[in-house]
N, C-alpha and C. Protein backbone atom coordinates (compact mmCIF):
# COMPACT_ATOMS: atom_id res chain seq x y z
N MET A 1 183.50 246.31 183.52
CA MET A 1 184.53 245.87 184.43
C MET A 1 183.92 245.62 185.80
N GLY A 2 184.20 244.46 186.36
CA GLY A 2 183.63 244.11 187.63
C GLY A 2 184.47 244.49 188.84
N TYR A 3 185.72 244.84 188.65
CA TYR A 3 186.60 245.11 189.77
C TYR A 3 186.92 246.59 189.85
N ALA A 4 186.97 247.13 191.07
CA ALA A 4 187.19 248.55 191.25
C ALA A 4 188.66 248.91 191.40
N VAL A 5 189.38 248.20 192.28
CA VAL A 5 190.77 248.53 192.60
C VAL A 5 191.56 247.25 192.84
N VAL A 6 192.86 247.41 193.08
CA VAL A 6 193.75 246.33 193.49
C VAL A 6 194.27 246.71 194.88
N LEU A 7 194.51 245.71 195.71
CA LEU A 7 195.06 245.94 197.05
C LEU A 7 196.51 245.48 197.10
N SER A 8 197.35 246.22 197.81
CA SER A 8 198.73 245.76 198.03
C SER A 8 198.69 244.46 198.82
N ASP A 9 199.81 243.77 198.85
CA ASP A 9 199.87 242.50 199.59
C ASP A 9 199.48 242.68 201.06
N LYS A 10 200.06 243.68 201.70
CA LYS A 10 199.77 243.90 203.13
C LYS A 10 198.29 244.21 203.34
N LEU A 11 197.72 245.06 202.49
CA LEU A 11 196.32 245.42 202.65
C LEU A 11 195.39 244.24 202.36
N LEU A 12 195.76 243.41 201.39
CA LEU A 12 194.95 242.24 201.10
C LEU A 12 194.94 241.30 202.31
N LYS A 13 196.10 241.11 202.92
CA LYS A 13 196.19 240.23 204.09
C LYS A 13 195.37 240.81 205.26
N GLU A 14 195.47 242.11 205.49
CA GLU A 14 194.69 242.76 206.56
C GLU A 14 193.19 242.66 206.27
N PHE A 15 192.81 242.85 205.02
CA PHE A 15 191.40 242.79 204.65
C PHE A 15 190.83 241.40 204.88
N TYR A 16 191.61 240.37 204.52
CA TYR A 16 191.16 239.00 204.77
C TYR A 16 191.03 238.73 206.26
N ALA A 17 191.96 239.23 207.06
CA ALA A 17 191.88 239.07 208.52
C ALA A 17 190.61 239.75 209.04
N PHE A 18 190.34 240.94 208.55
CA PHE A 18 189.14 241.68 208.94
C PHE A 18 187.88 240.91 208.57
N LYS A 19 187.82 240.40 207.32
CA LYS A 19 186.64 239.68 206.85
C LYS A 19 186.40 238.38 207.63
N SER A 20 187.46 237.77 208.10
CA SER A 20 187.32 236.48 208.79
C SER A 20 187.35 236.62 210.31
N ASN A 21 187.22 237.84 210.81
CA ASN A 21 187.21 238.12 212.26
C ASN A 21 188.48 237.66 212.96
N ALA A 22 189.59 237.66 212.27
CA ALA A 22 190.88 237.36 212.87
C ALA A 22 191.46 238.68 213.41
N THR A 23 192.64 238.63 213.96
CA THR A 23 193.29 239.84 214.47
C THR A 23 193.76 240.70 213.30
N TYR A 24 193.42 241.98 213.33
CA TYR A 24 193.82 242.91 212.27
C TYR A 24 194.11 244.27 212.87
N ASP A 25 194.80 245.11 212.10
CA ASP A 25 195.13 246.47 212.53
C ASP A 25 193.94 247.38 212.26
N LYS A 26 193.33 247.89 213.31
CA LYS A 26 192.11 248.70 213.17
C LYS A 26 192.35 250.00 212.39
N HIS A 27 193.49 250.62 212.62
CA HIS A 27 193.81 251.88 211.91
C HIS A 27 193.95 251.62 210.41
N THR A 28 194.62 250.54 210.05
CA THR A 28 194.79 250.20 208.64
C THR A 28 193.45 249.91 207.99
N ILE A 29 192.62 249.12 208.63
CA ILE A 29 191.31 248.77 208.07
C ILE A 29 190.43 250.00 207.95
N ALA A 30 190.46 250.88 208.94
CA ALA A 30 189.66 252.12 208.86
C ALA A 30 190.08 252.96 207.67
N SER A 31 191.39 253.09 207.46
CA SER A 31 191.89 253.86 206.32
C SER A 31 191.59 253.17 205.00
N LEU A 32 191.72 251.85 204.97
CA LEU A 32 191.42 251.09 203.76
C LEU A 32 189.95 251.26 203.38
N LEU A 33 189.07 251.13 204.33
CA LEU A 33 187.64 251.20 204.03
C LEU A 33 187.20 252.59 203.57
N GLN A 34 187.96 253.62 203.92
CA GLN A 34 187.66 254.96 203.41
C GLN A 34 187.89 255.05 201.90
N HIS A 35 188.77 254.22 201.38
CA HIS A 35 189.12 254.26 199.96
C HIS A 35 188.62 253.06 199.17
N TYR A 36 188.13 252.06 199.85
CA TYR A 36 187.71 250.82 199.21
C TYR A 36 186.40 251.02 198.46
N LYS A 37 186.33 250.49 197.26
CA LYS A 37 185.12 250.55 196.44
C LYS A 37 184.67 249.14 196.13
N ASN A 38 183.65 248.69 196.66
CA ASN A 38 182.91 247.42 196.54
C ASN A 38 183.61 246.19 195.97
N SER A 39 184.73 246.26 195.34
CA SER A 39 185.39 245.05 194.85
C SER A 39 186.86 245.32 194.55
N TYR A 40 187.64 244.26 194.61
CA TYR A 40 189.06 244.37 194.29
C TYR A 40 189.46 243.19 193.43
N LEU A 41 190.54 243.35 192.69
CA LEU A 41 191.06 242.29 191.84
C LEU A 41 192.36 241.77 192.44
N THR A 42 192.48 240.49 192.48
CA THR A 42 193.71 239.85 192.92
C THR A 42 194.03 238.72 191.94
N ASN A 43 195.07 237.95 192.23
CA ASN A 43 195.37 236.79 191.40
C ASN A 43 195.93 235.67 192.28
N VAL A 44 196.13 234.52 191.68
CA VAL A 44 196.58 233.34 192.42
C VAL A 44 197.93 233.61 193.09
N GLU A 45 198.86 234.20 192.35
CA GLU A 45 200.19 234.46 192.89
C GLU A 45 200.14 235.35 194.13
N GLN A 46 199.33 236.41 194.11
CA GLN A 46 199.24 237.31 195.25
C GLN A 46 198.64 236.57 196.46
N LEU A 47 197.62 235.77 196.23
CA LEU A 47 197.02 235.02 197.35
C LEU A 47 198.05 234.09 197.98
N LYS A 48 198.86 233.45 197.15
CA LYS A 48 199.91 232.56 197.68
C LYS A 48 200.96 233.37 198.45
N ARG A 49 201.34 234.54 197.89
CA ARG A 49 202.36 235.38 198.54
C ARG A 49 201.95 235.78 199.94
N VAL A 50 200.67 236.08 200.13
CA VAL A 50 200.20 236.55 201.43
C VAL A 50 199.61 235.41 202.26
N GLU A 51 199.80 234.19 201.77
CA GLU A 51 199.41 232.98 202.49
C GLU A 51 197.91 232.92 202.80
N ILE A 52 197.11 233.25 201.79
CA ILE A 52 195.65 233.12 201.90
C ILE A 52 195.27 231.85 201.16
N ASP A 53 194.68 230.93 201.89
CA ASP A 53 194.29 229.65 201.31
C ASP A 53 192.79 229.67 201.07
N ASP A 54 192.42 230.07 199.87
CA ASP A 54 191.00 230.14 199.47
C ASP A 54 190.89 229.41 198.13
N ALA A 55 190.76 228.09 198.21
CA ALA A 55 190.78 227.25 197.01
C ALA A 55 189.72 227.64 195.98
N PRO A 56 188.45 227.88 196.39
CA PRO A 56 187.45 228.26 195.38
C PRO A 56 187.81 229.57 194.66
N LEU A 57 188.31 230.55 195.42
CA LEU A 57 188.71 231.81 194.79
C LEU A 57 189.89 231.60 193.86
N MET A 58 190.87 230.83 194.30
CA MET A 58 192.03 230.57 193.44
C MET A 58 191.62 229.88 192.15
N GLN A 59 190.70 228.94 192.24
CA GLN A 59 190.22 228.24 191.05
C GLN A 59 189.49 229.20 190.12
N GLN A 60 188.66 230.06 190.69
CA GLN A 60 187.93 231.06 189.88
C GLN A 60 188.91 232.02 189.20
N LEU A 61 189.90 232.49 189.94
CA LEU A 61 190.89 233.40 189.37
C LEU A 61 191.70 232.72 188.27
N ALA A 62 192.10 231.48 188.50
CA ALA A 62 192.88 230.74 187.50
C ALA A 62 192.07 230.53 186.23
N SER A 63 190.79 230.21 186.39
CA SER A 63 189.96 229.99 185.19
C SER A 63 189.71 231.30 184.43
N SER A 64 189.84 232.44 185.11
CA SER A 64 189.71 233.75 184.46
C SER A 64 191.06 234.28 184.00
N ASN A 65 192.09 233.46 184.11
CA ASN A 65 193.46 233.79 183.71
C ASN A 65 194.09 234.89 184.56
N PHE A 66 193.71 234.97 185.82
CA PHE A 66 194.35 235.87 186.78
C PHE A 66 195.28 235.02 187.64
N LYS A 67 196.49 234.79 187.09
CA LYS A 67 197.41 233.87 187.75
C LYS A 67 198.66 234.56 188.27
N GLU A 68 199.43 235.20 187.37
CA GLU A 68 200.75 235.69 187.76
C GLU A 68 201.00 237.15 187.39
N GLN A 69 199.97 237.91 187.13
CA GLN A 69 200.17 239.30 186.74
C GLN A 69 200.73 240.12 187.91
N SER A 70 201.48 241.16 187.58
CA SER A 70 201.94 242.09 188.60
C SER A 70 200.74 242.91 189.08
N LEU A 71 200.89 243.57 190.20
CA LEU A 71 199.81 244.42 190.69
C LEU A 71 199.48 245.52 189.68
N GLU A 72 200.51 246.04 189.02
CA GLU A 72 200.30 247.09 188.01
C GLU A 72 199.50 246.57 186.82
N GLU A 73 199.76 245.34 186.41
CA GLU A 73 199.00 244.74 185.31
C GLU A 73 197.54 244.50 185.72
N LEU A 74 197.34 244.03 186.94
CA LEU A 74 195.98 243.83 187.44
C LEU A 74 195.23 245.16 187.49
N CYS A 75 195.92 246.18 187.92
CA CYS A 75 195.34 247.51 188.05
C CYS A 75 194.72 248.00 186.74
N GLN A 76 195.36 247.67 185.63
CA GLN A 76 194.85 248.11 184.33
C GLN A 76 193.53 247.45 183.97
N LYS A 77 193.15 246.41 184.67
CA LYS A 77 191.90 245.71 184.41
C LYS A 77 190.79 246.12 185.38
N THR A 78 191.03 247.18 186.16
CA THR A 78 190.04 247.65 187.13
C THR A 78 189.40 248.95 186.67
N LYS A 79 188.31 249.28 187.27
CA LYS A 79 187.56 250.48 186.90
C LYS A 79 188.32 251.77 187.23
N TYR A 80 188.89 251.84 188.42
CA TYR A 80 189.52 253.09 188.87
C TYR A 80 191.02 253.15 188.63
N LYS A 81 191.62 252.08 188.14
CA LYS A 81 193.05 252.05 187.78
C LYS A 81 193.94 252.48 188.94
N LEU A 82 193.63 251.96 190.13
CA LEU A 82 194.40 252.30 191.33
C LEU A 82 194.77 251.05 192.11
N ILE A 83 195.93 251.12 192.79
CA ILE A 83 196.36 250.08 193.72
C ILE A 83 196.40 250.73 195.10
N LEU A 84 195.53 250.30 195.99
CA LEU A 84 195.54 250.83 197.34
C LEU A 84 196.75 250.27 198.06
N HIS A 85 197.50 251.16 198.72
CA HIS A 85 198.78 250.78 199.32
C HIS A 85 198.94 251.48 200.65
N GLU A 86 199.78 250.93 201.51
CA GLU A 86 199.99 251.51 202.84
C GLU A 86 201.07 252.57 202.89
N SER A 87 201.89 252.69 201.84
CA SER A 87 202.95 253.71 201.88
C SER A 87 203.26 254.35 200.53
N ASN A 88 203.13 253.63 199.44
CA ASN A 88 203.50 254.14 198.12
C ASN A 88 202.46 255.14 197.62
N SER A 89 202.92 256.29 197.13
CA SER A 89 202.03 257.32 196.60
C SER A 89 202.20 257.58 195.12
N ASN A 90 203.10 256.87 194.47
CA ASN A 90 203.34 257.09 193.05
C ASN A 90 202.28 256.36 192.23
N TYR A 91 201.71 257.08 191.23
CA TYR A 91 200.67 256.47 190.41
C TYR A 91 201.18 255.18 189.78
N PRO A 92 200.44 254.12 189.82
CA PRO A 92 199.02 253.95 190.10
C PRO A 92 198.69 253.65 191.56
N TYR A 93 199.66 253.84 192.46
CA TYR A 93 199.42 253.57 193.87
C TYR A 93 198.72 254.72 194.56
N LEU A 94 197.85 254.39 195.50
CA LEU A 94 197.17 255.38 196.32
C LEU A 94 197.50 255.03 197.77
N ASN A 95 198.21 255.92 198.44
CA ASN A 95 198.57 255.73 199.84
C ASN A 95 197.33 255.99 200.69
N ILE A 96 196.81 254.96 201.33
CA ILE A 96 195.55 255.08 202.08
C ILE A 96 195.69 255.96 203.32
N PHE A 97 196.93 256.22 203.76
CA PHE A 97 197.14 257.05 204.94
C PHE A 97 197.47 258.50 204.61
N ASP A 98 198.01 258.74 203.42
CA ASP A 98 198.60 260.07 203.20
C ASP A 98 198.50 260.58 201.77
N ASP A 99 197.47 260.22 201.04
CA ASP A 99 197.34 260.75 199.68
C ASP A 99 196.24 261.79 199.64
N ASN A 100 196.34 262.72 198.71
CA ASN A 100 195.37 263.81 198.64
C ASN A 100 194.14 263.47 197.79
N ILE A 101 193.87 262.20 197.62
CA ILE A 101 192.71 261.77 196.86
C ILE A 101 191.63 261.33 197.86
N GLU A 102 190.41 261.70 197.60
CA GLU A 102 189.32 261.40 198.52
C GLU A 102 188.65 260.08 198.14
N SER A 103 187.78 259.60 199.01
CA SER A 103 187.15 258.30 198.79
C SER A 103 186.26 258.27 197.56
N ASN A 104 185.86 259.43 197.09
CA ASN A 104 185.10 259.46 195.84
C ASN A 104 186.03 259.67 194.65
N TYR A 105 187.29 259.47 194.91
CA TYR A 105 188.33 259.58 193.90
C TYR A 105 188.34 260.93 193.19
N THR A 106 188.36 261.95 194.00
CA THR A 106 188.57 263.29 193.48
C THR A 106 189.83 263.85 194.13
N ALA A 107 190.42 264.81 193.50
CA ALA A 107 191.61 265.43 194.06
C ALA A 107 191.58 266.92 193.75
N THR A 108 192.19 267.71 194.62
CA THR A 108 192.31 269.14 194.41
C THR A 108 193.78 269.47 194.25
N HIS A 109 194.10 270.20 193.20
CA HIS A 109 195.48 270.63 192.96
C HIS A 109 195.47 272.15 192.87
N TYR A 110 196.17 272.76 193.78
CA TYR A 110 196.23 274.22 193.80
C TYR A 110 197.26 274.73 192.79
N LYS A 111 197.21 276.02 192.54
CA LYS A 111 198.11 276.67 191.60
C LYS A 111 199.56 276.29 191.91
N LYS A 112 200.30 275.98 190.88
CA LYS A 112 201.72 275.61 190.94
C LYS A 112 201.97 274.25 191.60
N GLU A 113 200.91 273.49 191.86
CA GLU A 113 201.07 272.15 192.42
C GLU A 113 201.22 271.15 191.29
N CYS A 114 202.02 270.13 191.48
CA CYS A 114 202.25 269.12 190.44
C CYS A 114 200.97 268.34 190.15
N ARG A 115 200.63 268.21 188.88
CA ARG A 115 199.42 267.50 188.45
C ARG A 115 199.74 266.25 187.64
N ALA A 116 200.99 265.82 187.64
CA ALA A 116 201.41 264.69 186.81
C ALA A 116 200.65 263.41 187.15
N LYS A 117 200.49 263.13 188.44
CA LYS A 117 199.77 261.92 188.84
C LYS A 117 198.32 261.99 188.38
N ALA A 118 197.70 263.15 188.50
CA ALA A 118 196.30 263.32 188.06
C ALA A 118 196.20 263.11 186.55
N ARG A 119 197.13 263.64 185.80
CA ARG A 119 197.11 263.46 184.34
C ARG A 119 197.24 261.98 183.96
N GLU A 120 198.17 261.29 184.61
CA GLU A 120 198.35 259.86 184.34
C GLU A 120 197.07 259.09 184.65
N HIS A 121 196.45 259.43 185.76
CA HIS A 121 195.23 258.73 186.18
C HIS A 121 194.10 259.01 185.19
N ILE A 122 193.93 260.24 184.77
CA ILE A 122 192.87 260.59 183.81
C ILE A 122 193.10 259.87 182.49
N LYS A 123 194.33 259.85 182.01
CA LYS A 123 194.62 259.13 180.77
C LYS A 123 194.25 257.65 180.89
N ALA A 124 194.58 257.04 182.01
CA ALA A 124 194.24 255.63 182.21
C ALA A 124 192.73 255.40 182.24
N LEU A 125 192.00 256.31 182.88
CA LEU A 125 190.55 256.19 182.95
C LEU A 125 189.91 256.35 181.57
N LEU A 126 190.44 257.25 180.77
CA LEU A 126 189.87 257.52 179.45
C LEU A 126 190.20 256.44 178.43
N GLN A 127 191.19 255.66 178.70
CA GLN A 127 191.65 254.64 177.77
C GLN A 127 190.53 253.69 177.33
N ASP A 128 189.64 253.31 178.24
CA ASP A 128 188.56 252.38 177.90
C ASP A 128 187.19 253.04 177.88
N ALA A 129 187.14 254.35 177.97
CA ALA A 129 185.86 255.06 178.09
C ALA A 129 185.08 255.04 176.77
N SER A 130 183.77 254.86 176.89
CA SER A 130 182.92 254.97 175.71
C SER A 130 182.09 256.26 175.79
N HIS A 131 181.91 256.80 177.01
CA HIS A 131 181.21 258.06 177.22
C HIS A 131 181.96 258.86 178.27
N ILE A 132 182.08 260.16 178.06
CA ILE A 132 182.77 261.03 179.00
C ILE A 132 181.88 262.23 179.29
N PHE A 133 181.70 262.55 180.57
CA PHE A 133 180.95 263.73 180.97
C PHE A 133 181.89 264.61 181.76
N ILE A 134 182.06 265.84 181.33
CA ILE A 134 182.93 266.79 182.02
C ILE A 134 182.07 267.96 182.46
N TYR A 135 182.18 268.31 183.75
CA TYR A 135 181.48 269.48 184.26
C TYR A 135 182.50 270.46 184.78
N ASP A 136 182.51 271.62 184.23
CA ASP A 136 183.38 272.69 184.69
C ASP A 136 182.74 273.99 184.22
N LYS A 137 182.28 274.80 185.16
CA LYS A 137 181.57 276.02 184.76
C LYS A 137 182.49 277.04 184.08
N TYR A 138 183.80 276.83 184.16
CA TYR A 138 184.72 277.75 183.52
C TYR A 138 185.37 277.17 182.27
N ILE A 139 184.95 276.01 181.83
CA ILE A 139 185.64 275.32 180.73
C ILE A 139 185.64 276.13 179.43
N GLN A 140 184.56 276.82 179.14
CA GLN A 140 184.51 277.59 177.90
C GLN A 140 185.56 278.71 177.92
N GLN A 141 185.71 279.37 179.06
CA GLN A 141 186.67 280.45 179.17
C GLN A 141 188.12 279.96 179.05
N ARG A 142 188.38 278.75 179.52
CA ARG A 142 189.74 278.24 179.58
C ARG A 142 190.01 277.12 178.58
N TRP A 143 189.16 276.92 177.61
CA TRP A 143 189.29 275.78 176.70
C TRP A 143 190.63 275.76 175.97
N SER A 144 191.07 276.89 175.45
CA SER A 144 192.33 276.90 174.71
C SER A 144 193.51 276.57 175.61
N GLU A 145 193.46 276.96 176.88
CA GLU A 145 194.55 276.63 177.82
C GLU A 145 194.55 275.13 178.13
N SER A 146 193.37 274.53 178.29
CA SER A 146 193.29 273.14 178.71
C SER A 146 193.75 272.18 177.60
N LYS A 147 193.61 272.55 176.35
CA LYS A 147 194.05 271.69 175.25
C LYS A 147 195.56 271.50 175.28
N LYS A 148 196.28 272.47 175.79
CA LYS A 148 197.74 272.42 175.80
C LYS A 148 198.28 271.50 176.90
N THR A 149 197.50 271.22 177.95
CA THR A 149 198.02 270.47 179.09
C THR A 149 198.10 268.99 178.83
N PHE A 150 197.34 268.45 177.90
CA PHE A 150 197.41 267.02 177.61
C PHE A 150 198.15 266.84 176.32
């Protein structure tokens, strides 16, 4: 997979402004870049929605059949299965200002904290996996408990 994440419409527009040295929101770009991983997936419809006129990119996306998919559908074709967003925190969205996930895409969940979003994200990541490496120094002690959570 060549694409890491999907950007919300607002973030895509800000990112294009940043890349082209136009006026952009510095706080938004700083937060976006903390979570951005080397590539994003978009489609023709999203570029039109945010009024980005990039004919070569639109042609490339159209020839790859990235035309009218929803952001959620695009997300399923990315490596990290996330949509970077400015306010939404519900999976598959990652709120760049206020989510408890770090730029290396790790999260900490304390005792009695909801882990539903983490479970959904792990399931999505494992869906296309051919190799899985798990490191947990306590996994042997807690193996029977962990089988019950999924």
